[in-house]
Amino acid sequence: MSKPEFKANEFYAALERVRLVRRLNWKQVAEQSGVSASTLTRIAQGKRPDVDSLAALVNWSGLSADAFVARADQVGKRVQPLSDIANVLYSDSTLSEDGRATMMDLITAAYLRLSKNN
């Protein structure tokens, strides 16, 4: 059985998306999250954050740390990423109903087109 590992590159990519949506630079992310700029740089280089930095960044971003842990017991099990995305979009009060529907249509089409299972 393989041991679980933290997907640091995927976590950084998700942080980058949050940063862009909030229209912040990395210095502002460091200030708002309480995580040093050097720690953010190390994460950008694929290094795993320490527990306190991870907790601070998860708190700041609203991301789930669990989403970035490749668990050995989940290998081969299908997750429901489209359901998770829908939950996020439908809980976003800044999107109109049409906006949500359009985004879900785009994401679903791209997911189905690019999925390894299709």
PDB file of N, CA and C in Angstrom:
ATOM      1  N   MET A   1       0.852  -1.174   0.000  1.00  0.00           N
ATOM      2  CA  MET A   1       0.000   0.000   0.000  1.00  0.00           C
ATOM      3  C   MET A   1       0.898   1.239   0.000  1.00  0.00           C
ATOM      4  N   SER A   2       0.606   2.163  -0.868  1.00  0.00           N
ATOM      5  CA  SER A   2       1.391   3.393  -0.908  1.00  0.00           C
ATOM      6  C   SER A   2       0.942   4.331   0.206  1.00  0.00           C
ATOM      7  N   LYS A   3       1.864   5.180   0.625  1.00  0.00           N
ATOM      8  CA  LYS A   3       1.507   6.094   1.709  1.00  0.00           C
ATOM      9  C   LYS A   3       0.911   7.376   1.142  1.00  0.00           C
ATOM     10  N   PRO A   4       0.071   8.027   1.918  1.00  0.00           N
ATOM     11  CA  PRO A   4      -0.564   9.255   1.428  1.00  0.00           C
ATOM     12  C   PRO A   4       0.467  10.361   1.245  1.00  0.00           C
ATOM     13  N   GLU A   5       0.200  11.245   0.321  1.00  0.00           N
ATOM     14  CA  GLU A   5       1.108  12.373   0.125  1.00  0.00           C
ATOM     15  C   GLU A   5       0.323  13.642  -0.175  1.00  0.00           C
ATOM     16  N   PHE A   6       0.920  14.763   0.193  1.00  0.00           N
ATOM     17  CA  PHE A   6       0.310  16.065  -0.041  1.00  0.00           C
ATOM     18  C   PHE A   6       0.686  16.534  -1.435  1.00  0.00           C
ATOM     19  N   LYS A   7      -0.309  16.931  -2.227  1.00  0.00           N
ATOM     20  CA  LYS A   7      -0.082  17.379  -3.605  1.00  0.00           C
ATOM     21  C   LYS A   7       0.183  18.891  -3.593  1.00  0.00           C
ATOM     22  N   ALA A   8       1.433  19.241  -3.300  1.00  0.00           N
ATOM     23  CA  ALA A   8       1.810  20.644  -3.122  1.00  0.00           C
ATOM     24  C   ALA A   8       1.606  21.469  -4.386  1.00  0.00           C
ATOM     25  N   ASN A   9       1.925  20.904  -5.542  1.00  0.00           N
ATOM     26  CA  ASN A   9       1.770  21.669  -6.788  1.00  0.00           C
ATOM     27  C   ASN A   9       0.307  21.994  -7.065  1.00  0.00           C
ATOM     28  N   GLU A  10      -0.581  21.044  -6.790  1.00  0.00           N
ATOM     29  CA  GLU A  10      -2.007  21.295  -6.993  1.00  0.00           C
ATOM     30  C   GLU A  10      -2.532  22.310  -5.979  1.00  0.00           C
ATOM     31  N   PHE A  11      -2.017  22.239  -4.755  1.00  0.00           N
ATOM     32  CA  PHE A  11      -2.418  23.199  -3.728  1.00  0.00           C
ATOM     33  C   PHE A  11      -1.998  24.610  -4.144  1.00  0.00           C
ATOM     34  N   TYR A  12      -0.770  24.746  -4.636  1.00  0.00           N
ATOM     35  CA  TYR A  12      -0.295  26.056  -5.078  1.00  0.00           C
ATOM     36  C   TYR A  12      -1.138  26.576  -6.247  1.00  0.00           C
ATOM     37  N   ALA A  13      -1.473  25.701  -7.190  1.00  0.00           N
ATOM     38  CA  ALA A  13      -2.302  26.116  -8.332  1.00  0.00           C
ATOM     39  C   ALA A  13      -3.668  26.606  -7.854  1.00  0.00           C
ATOM     40  N   ALA A  14      -4.221  25.940  -6.855  1.00  0.00           N
ATOM     41  CA  ALA A  14      -5.512  26.373  -6.303  1.00  0.00           C
ATOM     42  C   ALA A  14      -5.371  27.715  -5.592  1.00  0.00           C
ATOM     43  N   LEU A  15      -4.277  27.894  -4.848  1.00  0.00           N
ATOM     44  CA  LEU A  15      -4.021  29.191  -4.204  1.00  0.00           C
ATOM     45  C   LEU A  15      -3.894  30.292  -5.251  1.00  0.00           C
ATOM     46  N   GLU A  16      -3.223  29.972  -6.338  1.00  0.00           N
ATOM     47  CA  GLU A  16      -3.057  30.941  -7.430  1.00  0.00           C
ATOM     48  C   GLU A  16      -4.417  31.363  -7.983  1.00  0.00           C
ATOM     49  N   ARG A  17      -5.322  30.408  -8.153  1.00  0.00           N
ATOM     50  CA  ARG A  17      -6.659  30.742  -8.654  1.00  0.00           C
ATOM     51  C   ARG A  17      -7.402  31.641  -7.667  1.00  0.00           C
ATOM     52  N   VAL A  18      -7.304  31.333  -6.378  1.00  0.00           N
ATOM     53  CA  VAL A  18      -7.955  32.170  -5.363  1.00  0.00           C
ATOM     54  C   VAL A  18      -7.353  33.572  -5.396  1.00  0.00           C
ATOM     55  N   ARG A  19      -6.022  33.638  -5.494  1.00  0.00           N
ATOM     56  CA  ARG A  19      -5.334  34.932  -5.537  1.00  0.00           C
ATOM     57  C   ARG A  19      -5.816  35.755  -6.727  1.00  0.00           C
ATOM     58  N   LEU A  20      -5.930  35.129  -7.884  1.00  0.00           N
ATOM     59  CA  LEU A  20      -6.364  35.843  -9.084  1.00  0.00           C
ATOM     60  C   LEU A  20      -7.805  36.321  -8.966  1.00  0.00           C
ATOM     61  N   VAL A  21      -8.671  35.469  -8.443  1.00  0.00           N
ATOM     62  CA  VAL A  21     -10.076  35.851  -8.269  1.00  0.00           C
ATOM     63  C   VAL A  21     -10.189  37.053  -7.335  1.00  0.00           C
ATOM     64  N   ARG A  22      -9.361  37.069  -6.305  1.00  0.00           N
ATOM     65  CA  ARG A  22      -9.399  38.172  -5.338  1.00  0.00           C
ATOM     66  C   ARG A  22      -8.581  39.379  -5.788  1.00  0.00           C
ATOM     67  N   ARG A  23      -7.931  39.239  -6.930  1.00  0.00           N
ATOM     68  CA  ARG A  23      -7.123  40.321  -7.518  1.00  0.00           C
ATOM     69  C   ARG A  23      -6.055  40.825  -6.549  1.00  0.00           C
ATOM     70  N   LEU A  24      -5.287  39.878  -6.030  1.00  0.00           N
ATOM     71  CA  LEU A  24      -4.224  40.188  -5.082  1.00  0.00           C
ATOM     72  C   LEU A  24      -2.879  39.804  -5.674  1.00  0.00           C
ATOM     73  N   ASN A  25      -1.818  40.435  -5.159  1.00  0.00           N
ATOM     74  CA  ASN A  25      -0.480  39.959  -5.483  1.00  0.00           C
ATOM     75  C   ASN A  25      -0.026  39.050  -4.336  1.00  0.00           C
ATOM     76  N   TRP A  26       1.094  38.373  -4.529  1.00  0.00           N
ATOM     77  CA  TRP A  26       1.535  37.410  -3.515  1.00  0.00           C
ATOM     78  C   TRP A  26       1.921  38.086  -2.203  1.00  0.00           C
ATOM     79  N   LYS A  27       2.393  39.303  -2.263  1.00  0.00           N
ATOM     80  CA  LYS A  27       2.712  40.031  -1.030  1.00  0.00           C
ATOM     81  C   LYS A  27       1.436  40.233  -0.204  1.00  0.00           C
ATOM     82  N   GLN A  28       0.346  40.572  -0.877  1.00  0.00           N
ATOM     83  CA  GLN A  28      -0.930  40.746  -0.179  1.00  0.00           C
ATOM     84  C   GLN A  28      -1.436  39.418   0.391  1.00  0.00           C
ATOM     85  N   VAL A  29      -1.221  38.339  -0.344  1.00  0.00           N
ATOM     86  CA  VAL A  29      -1.597  37.014   0.166  1.00  0.00           C
ATOM     87  C   VAL A  29      -0.829  36.732   1.449  1.00  0.00           C
ATOM     88  N   ALA A  30       0.473  37.014   1.431  1.00  0.00           N
ATOM     89  CA  ALA A  30       1.302  36.791   2.622  1.00  0.00           C
ATOM     90  C   ALA A  30       0.785  37.610   3.803  1.00  0.00           C
ATOM     91  N   GLU A  31       0.483  38.870   3.550  1.00  0.00           N
ATOM     92  CA  GLU A  31      -0.005  39.744   4.626  1.00  0.00           C
ATOM     93  C   GLU A  31      -1.350  39.271   5.165  1.00  0.00           C
ATOM     94  N   GLN A  32      -2.273  38.941   4.272  1.00  0.00           N
ATOM     95  CA  GLN A  32      -3.616  38.550   4.697  1.00  0.00           C
ATOM     96  C   GLN A  32      -3.650  37.179   5.364  1.00  0.00           C
ATOM     97  N   SER A  33      -2.815  36.272   4.894  1.00  0.00           N
ATOM     98  CA  SER A  33      -2.840  34.904   5.427  1.00  0.00           C
ATOM     99  C   SER A  33      -1.953  34.730   6.653  1.00  0.00           C
ATOM    100  N   GLY A  34      -0.982  35.628   6.805  1.00  0.00           N
ATOM    101  CA  GLY A  34      -0.033  35.479   7.905  1.00  0.00           C
ATOM    102  C   GLY A  34       1.087  34.499   7.600  1.00  0.00           C
ATOM    103  N   VAL A  35       1.218  34.125   6.340  1.00  0.00           N
ATOM    104  CA  VAL A  35       2.270  33.204   5.904  1.00  0.00           C
ATOM    105  C   VAL A  35       3.352  34.025   5.215  1.00  0.00           C
ATOM    106  N   SER A  36       4.601  33.746   5.521  1.00  0.00           N
ATOM    107  CA  SER A  36       5.688  34.543   4.959  1.00  0.00           C
ATOM    108  C   SER A  36       5.776  34.379   3.444  1.00  0.00           C
ATOM    109  N   ALA A  37       6.285  35.421   2.800  1.00  0.00           N
ATOM    110  CA  ALA A  37       6.473  35.385   1.349  1.00  0.00           C
ATOM    111  C   ALA A  37       7.444  34.270   0.967  1.00  0.00           C
ATOM    112  N   SER A  38       8.451  34.024   1.804  1.00  0.00           N
ATOM    113  CA  SER A  38       9.415  32.961   1.492  1.00  0.00           C
ATOM    114  C   SER A  38       8.753  31.584   1.540  1.00  0.00           C
ATOM    115  N   THR A  39       7.801  31.398   2.439  1.00  0.00           N
ATOM    116  CA  THR A  39       7.064  30.128   2.485  1.00  0.00           C
ATOM    117  C   THR A  39       6.227  29.969   1.223  1.00  0.00           C
ATOM    118  N   LEU A  40       5.589  31.038   0.776  1.00  0.00           N
ATOM    119  CA  LEU A  40       4.807  30.981  -0.463  1.00  0.00           C
ATOM    120  C   LEU A  40       5.706  30.647  -1.653  1.00  0.00           C
ATOM    121  N   THR A  41       6.911  31.195  -1.660  1.00  0.00           N
ATOM    122  CA  THR A  41       7.867  30.898  -2.729  1.00  0.00           C
ATOM    123  C   THR A  41       8.253  29.426  -2.703  1.00  0.00           C
ATOM    124  N   ARG A  42       8.494  28.887  -1.516  1.00  0.00           N
ATOM    125  CA  ARG A  42       8.845  27.465  -1.401  1.00  0.00           C
ATOM    126  C   ARG A  42       7.698  26.574  -1.893  1.00  0.00           C
ATOM    127  N   ILE A  43       6.468  26.954  -1.567  1.00  0.00           N
ATOM    128  CA  ILE A  43       5.316  26.177  -2.045  1.00  0.00           C
ATOM    129  C   ILE A  43       5.248  26.252  -3.571  1.00  0.00           C
ATOM    130  N   ALA A  44       5.539  27.425  -4.126  1.00  0.00           N
ATOM    131  CA  ALA A  44       5.546  27.593  -5.585  1.00  0.00           C
ATOM    132  C   ALA A  44       6.588  26.692  -6.240  1.00  0.00           C
ATOM    133  N   GLN A  45       7.643  26.369  -5.501  1.00  0.00           N
ATOM    134  CA  GLN A  45       8.707  25.501  -6.008  1.00  0.00           C
ATOM    135  C   GLN A  45       8.418  24.020  -5.764  1.00  0.00           C
ATOM    136  N   GLY A  46       7.209  23.725  -5.271  1.00  0.00           N
ATOM    137  CA  GLY A  46       6.817  22.335  -5.072  1.00  0.00           C
ATOM    138  C   GLY A  46       7.107  21.771  -3.701  1.00  0.00           C
ATOM    139  N   LYS A  47       7.601  22.607  -2.793  1.00  0.00           N
ATOM    140  CA  LYS A  47       7.860  22.155  -1.421  1.00  0.00           C
ATOM    141  C   LYS A  47       6.554  22.121  -0.645  1.00  0.00           C
ATOM    142  N   ARG A  48       6.459  21.206   0.290  1.00  0.00           N
ATOM    143  CA  ARG A  48       5.258  21.106   1.121  1.00  0.00           C
ATOM    144  C   ARG A  48       5.313  22.140   2.238  1.00  0.00           C
ATOM    145  N   PRO A  49       4.190  22.790   2.509  1.00  0.00           N
ATOM    146  CA  PRO A  49       4.163  23.767   3.605  1.00  0.00           C
ATOM    147  C   PRO A  49       4.165  23.059   4.956  1.00  0.00           C
ATOM    148  N   ASP A  50       4.652  23.760   5.982  1.00  0.00           N
ATOM    149  CA  ASP A  50       4.552  23.222   7.332  1.00  0.00           C
ATOM    150  C   ASP A  50       3.085  23.279   7.758  1.00  0.00           C
ATOM    151  N   VAL A  51       2.759  22.587   8.824  1.00  0.00           N
ATOM    152  CA  VAL A  51       1.364  22.467   9.258  1.00  0.00           C
ATOM    153  C   VAL A  51       0.737  23.818   9.563  1.00  0.00           C
ATOM    154  N   ASP A  52       1.456  24.704  10.245  1.00  0.00           N
ATOM    155  CA  ASP A  52       0.893  26.010  10.586  1.00  0.00           C
ATOM    156  C   ASP A  52       0.627  26.852   9.339  1.00  0.00           C
ATOM    157  N   SER A  53       1.544  26.809   8.381  1.00  0.00           N
ATOM    158  CA  SER A  53       1.348  27.555   7.133  1.00  0.00           C
ATOM    159  C   SER A  53       0.187  26.975   6.335  1.00  0.00           C
ATOM    160  N   LEU A  54       0.105  25.655   6.301  1.00  0.00           N
ATOM    161  CA  LEU A  54      -1.009  25.013   5.605  1.00  0.00           C
ATOM    162  C   LEU A  54      -2.335  25.429   6.229  1.00  0.00           C
ATOM    163  N   ALA A  55      -2.398  25.400   7.555  1.00  0.00           N
ATOM    164  CA  ALA A  55      -3.635  25.789   8.250  1.00  0.00           C
ATOM    165  C   ALA A  55      -3.997  27.238   7.946  1.00  0.00           C
ATOM    166  N   ALA A  56      -2.999  28.116   7.956  1.00  0.00           N
ATOM    167  CA  ALA A  56      -3.258  29.535   7.686  1.00  0.00           C
ATOM    168  C   ALA A  56      -3.741  29.744   6.253  1.00  0.00           C
ATOM    169  N   LEU A  57      -3.135  29.047   5.304  1.00  0.00           N
ATOM    170  CA  LEU A  57      -3.522  29.209   3.899  1.00  0.00           C
ATOM    171  C   LEU A  57      -4.887  28.598   3.606  1.00  0.00           C
ATOM    172  N   VAL A  58      -5.190  27.483   4.243  1.00  0.00           N
ATOM    173  CA  VAL A  58      -6.515  26.877   4.092  1.00  0.00           C
ATOM    174  C   VAL A  58      -7.565  27.818   4.661  1.00  0.00           C
ATOM    175  N   ASN A  59      -7.274  28.392   5.820  1.00  0.00           N
ATOM    176  CA  ASN A  59      -8.198  29.340   6.444  1.00  0.00           C
ATOM    177  C   ASN A  59      -8.387  30.574   5.566  1.00  0.00           C
ATOM    178  N   TRP A  60      -7.305  31.117   5.050  1.00  0.00           N
ATOM    179  CA  TRP A  60      -7.374  32.318   4.215  1.00  0.00           C
ATOM    180  C   TRP A  60      -8.132  32.049   2.912  1.00  0.00           C
ATOM    181  N   SER A  61      -7.849  30.917   2.281  1.00  0.00           N
ATOM    182  CA  SER A  61      -8.380  30.646   0.940  1.00  0.00           C
ATOM    183  C   SER A  61      -9.768  30.017   0.925  1.00  0.00           C
ATOM    184  N   GLY A  62     -10.119  29.335   2.001  1.00  0.00           N
ATOM    185  CA  GLY A  62     -11.370  28.591   2.007  1.00  0.00           C
ATOM    186  C   GLY A  62     -11.259  27.234   1.331  1.00  0.00           C
ATOM    187  N   LEU A  63     -10.049  26.846   0.958  1.00  0.00           N
ATOM    188  CA  LEU A  63      -9.828  25.541   0.338  1.00  0.00           C
ATOM    189  C   LEU A  63      -9.864  24.447   1.403  1.00  0.00           C
ATOM    190  N   SER A  64     -10.072  23.232   0.979  1.00  0.00           N
ATOM    191  CA  SER A  64     -10.034  22.087   1.885  1.00  0.00           C
ATOM    192  C   SER A  64      -8.698  21.378   1.729  1.00  0.00           C
ATOM    193  N   ALA A  65      -7.951  21.252   2.824  1.00  0.00           N
ATOM    194  CA  ALA A  65      -6.663  20.559   2.765  1.00  0.00           C
ATOM    195  C   ALA A  65      -6.845  19.117   2.313  1.00  0.00           C
ATOM    196  N   ASP A  66      -7.960  18.521   2.676  1.00  0.00           N
ATOM    197  CA  ASP A  66      -8.233  17.129   2.329  1.00  0.00           C
ATOM    198  C   ASP A  66      -8.249  16.906   0.817  1.00  0.00           C
ATOM    199  N   ALA A  67      -8.615  17.930   0.081  1.00  0.00           N
ATOM    200  CA  ALA A  67      -8.673  17.810  -1.377  1.00  0.00           C
ATOM    201  C   ALA A  67      -7.290  17.635  -2.002  1.00  0.00           C
ATOM    202  N   PHE A  68      -6.237  17.930  -1.235  1.00  0.00           N
ATOM    203  CA  PHE A  68      -4.881  17.885  -1.774  1.00  0.00           C
ATOM    204  C   PHE A  68      -4.046  16.757  -1.181  1.00  0.00           C
ATOM    205  N   VAL A  69      -4.717  15.806  -0.545  1.00  0.00           N
ATOM    206  CA  VAL A  69      -4.030  14.641   0.010  1.00  0.00           C
ATOM    207  C   VAL A  69      -4.416  13.428  -0.820  1.00  0.00           C
ATOM    208  N   ALA A  70      -3.416  12.821  -1.434  1.00  0.00           N
ATOM    209  CA  ALA A  70      -3.639  11.598  -2.198  1.00  0.00           C
ATOM    210  C   ALA A  70      -3.603  10.447  -1.198  1.00  0.00           C
ATOM    211  N   ARG A  71      -4.779   9.955  -0.840  1.00  0.00           N
ATOM    212  CA  ARG A  71      -4.867   8.906   0.175  1.00  0.00           C
ATOM    213  C   ARG A  71      -4.783   7.533  -0.474  1.00  0.00           C
ATOM    214  N   ALA A  72      -4.036   6.657   0.162  1.00  0.00           N
ATOM    215  CA  ALA A  72      -3.843   5.307  -0.366  1.00  0.00           C
ATOM    216  C   ALA A  72      -5.161   4.560  -0.500  1.00  0.00           C
ATOM    217  N   ASP A  73      -6.099   4.772   0.420  1.00  0.00           N
ATOM    218  CA  ASP A  73      -7.369   4.044   0.369  1.00  0.00           C
ATOM    219  C   ASP A  73      -8.327   4.574  -0.692  1.00  0.00           C
ATOM    220  N   GLN A  74      -7.963   5.668  -1.344  1.00  0.00           N
ATOM    221  CA  GLN A  74      -8.821   6.243  -2.375  1.00  0.00           C
ATOM    222  C   GLN A  74      -8.376   5.884  -3.788  1.00  0.00           C
ATOM    223  N   VAL A  75      -7.240   5.195  -3.908  1.00  0.00           N
ATOM    224  CA  VAL A  75      -6.744   4.829  -5.232  1.00  0.00           C
ATOM    225  C   VAL A  75      -7.769   3.935  -5.919  1.00  0.00           C
ATOM    226  N   GLY A  76      -8.132   4.295  -7.117  1.00  0.00           N
ATOM    227  CA  GLY A  76      -9.087   3.516  -7.886  1.00  0.00           C
ATOM    228  C   GLY A  76     -10.542   3.857  -7.621  1.00  0.00           C
ATOM    229  N   LYS A  77     -10.805   4.655  -6.603  1.00  0.00           N
ATOM    230  CA  LYS A  77     -12.186   5.048  -6.323  1.00  0.00           C
ATOM    231  C   LYS A  77     -12.495   6.338  -7.061  1.00  0.00           C
ATOM    232  N   ARG A  78     -13.652   6.394  -7.648  1.00  0.00           N
ATOM    233  CA  ARG A  78     -14.061   7.594  -8.381  1.00  0.00           C
ATOM    234  C   ARG A  78     -14.631   8.615  -7.413  1.00  0.00           C
ATOM    235  N   VAL A  79     -14.123   9.811  -7.495  1.00  0.00           N
ATOM    236  CA  VAL A  79     -14.659  10.914  -6.700  1.00  0.00           C
ATOM    237  C   VAL A  79     -15.645  11.687  -7.555  1.00  0.00           C
ATOM    238  N   GLN A  80     -16.353  12.581  -6.963  1.00  0.00           N
ATOM    239  CA  GLN A  80     -17.362  13.343  -7.680  1.00  0.00           C
ATOM    240  C   GLN A  80     -16.946  14.810  -7.801  1.00  0.00           C
ATOM    241  N   PRO A  81     -15.938  15.095  -8.609  1.00  0.00           N
ATOM    242  CA  PRO A  81     -15.462  16.476  -8.707  1.00  0.00           C
ATOM    243  C   PRO A  81     -16.510  17.446  -9.239  1.00  0.00           C
ATOM    244  N   LEU A  82     -17.350  17.011 -10.152  1.00  0.00           N
ATOM    245  CA  LEU A  82     -18.360  17.926 -10.684  1.00  0.00           C
ATOM    246  C   LEU A  82     -19.368  18.315  -9.612  1.00  0.00           C
ATOM    247  N   SER A  83     -19.674  17.404  -8.720  1.00  0.00           N
ATOM    248  CA  SER A  83     -20.575  17.732  -7.604  1.00  0.00           C
ATOM    249  C   SER A  83     -19.935  18.760  -6.687  1.00  0.00           C
ATOM    250  N   ASP A  84     -18.642  18.572  -6.426  1.00  0.00           N
ATOM    251  CA  ASP A  84     -17.931  19.529  -5.573  1.00  0.00           C
ATOM    252  C   ASP A  84     -17.905  20.911  -6.214  1.00  0.00           C
ATOM    253  N   ILE A  85     -17.640  20.943  -7.511  1.00  0.00           N
ATOM    254  CA  ILE A  85     -17.602  22.224  -8.224  1.00  0.00           C
ATOM    255  C   ILE A  85     -18.978  22.878  -8.207  1.00  0.00           C
ATOM    256  N   ALA A  86     -20.000  22.098  -8.429  1.00  0.00           N
ATOM    257  CA  ALA A  86     -21.365  22.637  -8.403  1.00  0.00           C
ATOM    258  C   ALA A  86     -21.686  23.224  -7.035  1.00  0.00           C
ATOM    259  N   ASN A  87     -21.286  22.526  -5.975  1.00  0.00           N
ATOM    260  CA  ASN A  87     -21.524  23.049  -4.625  1.00  0.00           C
ATOM    261  C   ASN A  87     -20.865  24.404  -4.427  1.00  0.00           C
ATOM    262  N   VAL A  88     -19.648  24.529  -4.914  1.00  0.00           N
ATOM    263  CA  VAL A  88     -18.931  25.800  -4.780  1.00  0.00           C
ATOM    264  C   VAL A  88     -19.627  26.889  -5.587  1.00  0.00           C
ATOM    265  N   LEU A  89     -19.947  26.598  -6.831  1.00  0.00           N
ATOM    266  CA  LEU A  89     -20.579  27.609  -7.683  1.00  0.00           C
ATOM    267  C   LEU A  89     -21.940  28.033  -7.152  1.00  0.00           C
ATOM    268  N   TYR A  90     -22.712  27.082  -6.684  1.00  0.00           N
ATOM    269  CA  TYR A  90     -24.053  27.419  -6.209  1.00  0.00           C
ATOM    270  C   TYR A  90     -24.052  28.069  -4.836  1.00  0.00           C
ATOM    271  N   SER A  91     -22.923  28.033  -4.144  1.00  0.00           N
ATOM    272  CA  SER A  91     -22.838  28.748  -2.867  1.00  0.00           C
ATOM    273  C   SER A  91     -22.208  30.131  -3.041  1.00  0.00           C
ATOM    274  N   ASP A  92     -21.796  30.464  -4.269  1.00  0.00           N
ATOM    275  CA  ASP A  92     -21.172  31.760  -4.548  1.00  0.00           C
ATOM    276  C   ASP A  92     -22.256  32.793  -4.849  1.00  0.00           C
ATOM    277  N   SER A  93     -22.474  33.681  -3.907  1.00  0.00           N
ATOM    278  CA  SER A  93     -23.536  34.685  -4.059  1.00  0.00           C
ATOM    279  C   SER A  93     -23.200  35.766  -5.081  1.00  0.00           C
ATOM    280  N   THR A  94     -21.956  35.811  -5.554  1.00  0.00           N
ATOM    281  CA  THR A  94     -21.592  36.830  -6.544  1.00  0.00           C
ATOM    282  C   THR A  94     -21.983  36.430  -7.963  1.00  0.00           C
ATOM    283  N   LEU A  95     -22.375  35.171  -8.151  1.00  0.00           N
ATOM    284  CA  LEU A  95     -22.769  34.708  -9.481  1.00  0.00           C
ATOM    285  C   LEU A  95     -24.282  34.743  -9.641  1.00  0.00           C
ATOM    286  N   SER A  96     -24.721  35.160 -10.818  1.00  0.00           N
ATOM    287  CA  SER A  96     -26.154  35.096 -11.130  1.00  0.00           C
ATOM    288  C   SER A  96     -26.512  33.645 -11.453  1.00  0.00           C
ATOM    289  N   GLU A  97     -27.796  33.354 -11.495  1.00  0.00           N
ATOM    290  CA  GLU A  97     -28.242  32.000 -11.861  1.00  0.00           C
ATOM    291  C   GLU A  97     -27.743  31.632 -13.258  1.00  0.00           C
ATOM    292  N   ASP A  98     -27.847  32.587 -14.192  1.00  0.00           N
ATOM    293  CA  ASP A  98     -27.358  32.332 -15.550  1.00  0.00           C
ATOM    294  C   ASP A  98     -25.853  32.105 -15.553  1.00  0.00           C
ATOM    295  N   GLY A  99     -25.138  32.893 -14.756  1.00  0.00           N
ATOM    296  CA  GLY A  99     -23.690  32.739 -14.651  1.00  0.00           C
ATOM    297  C   GLY A  99     -23.305  31.369 -14.122  1.00  0.00           C
ATOM    298  N   ARG A 100     -23.997  30.930 -13.082  1.00  0.00           N
ATOM    299  CA  ARG A 100     -23.734  29.599 -12.514  1.00  0.00           C
ATOM    300  C   ARG A 100     -23.990  28.507 -13.546  1.00  0.00           C
ATOM    301  N   ALA A 101     -25.135  28.613 -14.211  1.00  0.00           N
ATOM    302  CA  ALA A 101     -25.496  27.594 -15.196  1.00  0.00           C
ATOM    303  C   ALA A 101     -24.487  27.558 -16.337  1.00  0.00           C
ATOM    304  N   THR A 102     -24.077  28.733 -16.804  1.00  0.00           N
ATOM    305  CA  THR A 102     -23.102  28.806 -17.891  1.00  0.00           C
ATOM    306  C   THR A 102     -21.771  28.207 -17.462  1.00  0.00           C
ATOM    307  N   MET A 103     -21.321  28.567 -16.261  1.00  0.00           N
ATOM    308  CA  MET A 103     -20.052  28.020 -15.774  1.00  0.00           C
ATOM    309  C   MET A 103     -20.129  26.504 -15.622  1.00  0.00           C
ATOM    310  N   MET A 104     -21.229  25.995 -15.096  1.00  0.00           N
ATOM    311  CA  MET A 104     -21.372  24.542 -14.945  1.00  0.00           C
ATOM    312  C   MET A 104     -21.380  23.850 -16.303  1.00  0.00           C
ATOM    313  N   ASP A 105     -22.045  24.456 -17.287  1.00  0.00           N
ATOM    314  CA  ASP A 105     -22.055  23.878 -18.635  1.00  0.00           C
ATOM    315  C   ASP A 105     -20.640  23.806 -19.200  1.00  0.00           C
ATOM    316  N   LEU A 106     -19.886  24.899 -19.056  1.00  0.00           N
ATOM    317  CA  LEU A 106     -18.513  24.945 -19.568  1.00  0.00           C
ATOM    318  C   LEU A 106     -17.618  23.939 -18.853  1.00  0.00           C
ATOM    319  N   ILE A 107     -17.694  23.933 -17.542  1.00  0.00           N
ATOM    320  CA  ILE A 107     -16.847  23.037 -16.754  1.00  0.00           C
ATOM    321  C   ILE A 107     -17.198  21.579 -17.031  1.00  0.00           C
ATOM    322  N   THR A 108     -18.474  21.280 -17.092  1.00  0.00           N
ATOM    323  CA  THR A 108     -18.903  19.904 -17.357  1.00  0.00           C
ATOM    324  C   THR A 108     -18.425  19.441 -18.727  1.00  0.00           C
ATOM    325  N   ALA A 109     -18.590  20.291 -19.735  1.00  0.00           N
ATOM    326  CA  ALA A 109     -18.150  19.931 -21.085  1.00  0.00           C
ATOM    327  C   ALA A 109     -16.643  19.696 -21.121  1.00  0.00           C
ATOM    328  N   ALA A 110     -15.882  20.586 -20.497  1.00  0.00           N
ATOM    329  CA  ALA A 110     -14.425  20.437 -20.475  1.00  0.00           C
ATOM    330  C   ALA A 110     -14.021  19.186 -19.695  1.00  0.00           C
ATOM    331  N   TYR A 111     -14.658  18.963 -18.566  1.00  0.00           N
ATOM    332  CA  TYR A 111     -14.333  17.795 -17.742  1.00  0.00           C
ATOM    333  C   TYR A 111     -14.584  16.498 -18.512  1.00  0.00           C
ATOM    334  N   LEU A 112     -15.736  16.410 -19.135  1.00  0.00           N
ATOM    335  CA  LEU A 112     -16.062  15.195 -19.877  1.00  0.00           C
ATOM    336  C   LEU A 112     -15.129  14.997 -21.068  1.00  0.00           C
ATOM    337  N   ARG A 113     -14.755  16.081 -21.703  1.00  0.00           N
ATOM    338  CA  ARG A 113     -13.855  16.006 -22.863  1.00  0.00           C
ATOM    339  C   ARG A 113     -12.452  15.584 -22.458  1.00  0.00           C
ATOM    340  N   LEU A 114     -11.985  16.073 -21.304  1.00  0.00           N
ATOM    341  CA  LEU A 114     -10.602  15.852 -20.883  1.00  0.00           C
ATOM    342  C   LEU A 114     -10.428  14.710 -19.890  1.00  0.00           C
ATOM    343  N   SER A 115     -11.507  14.162 -19.413  1.00  0.00           N
ATOM    344  CA  SER A 115     -11.443  13.089 -18.423  1.00  0.00           C
ATOM    345  C   SER A 115     -10.732  11.864 -18.982  1.00  0.00           C
ATOM    346  N   LYS A 116      -9.899  11.257 -18.155  1.00  0.00           N
ATOM    347  CA  LYS A 116      -9.186  10.038 -18.551  1.00  0.00           C
ATOM    348  C   LYS A 116     -10.139   8.867 -18.726  1.00  0.00           C
ATOM    349  N   ASN A 117     -11.318   8.969 -18.134  1.00  0.00           N
ATOM    350  CA  ASN A 117     -12.288   7.874 -18.197  1.00  0.00           C
ATOM    351  C   ASN A 117     -13.118   7.890 -19.469  1.00  0.00           C
ATOM    352  N   ASN A 118     -12.957   8.905 -20.300  1.00  0.00           N
ATOM    353  CA  ASN A 118     -13.752   9.001 -21.540  1.00  0.00           C
ATOM    354  C   ASN A 118     -12.881   8.807 -22.752  1.00  0.00           C
TER     355      ASN A 118
END
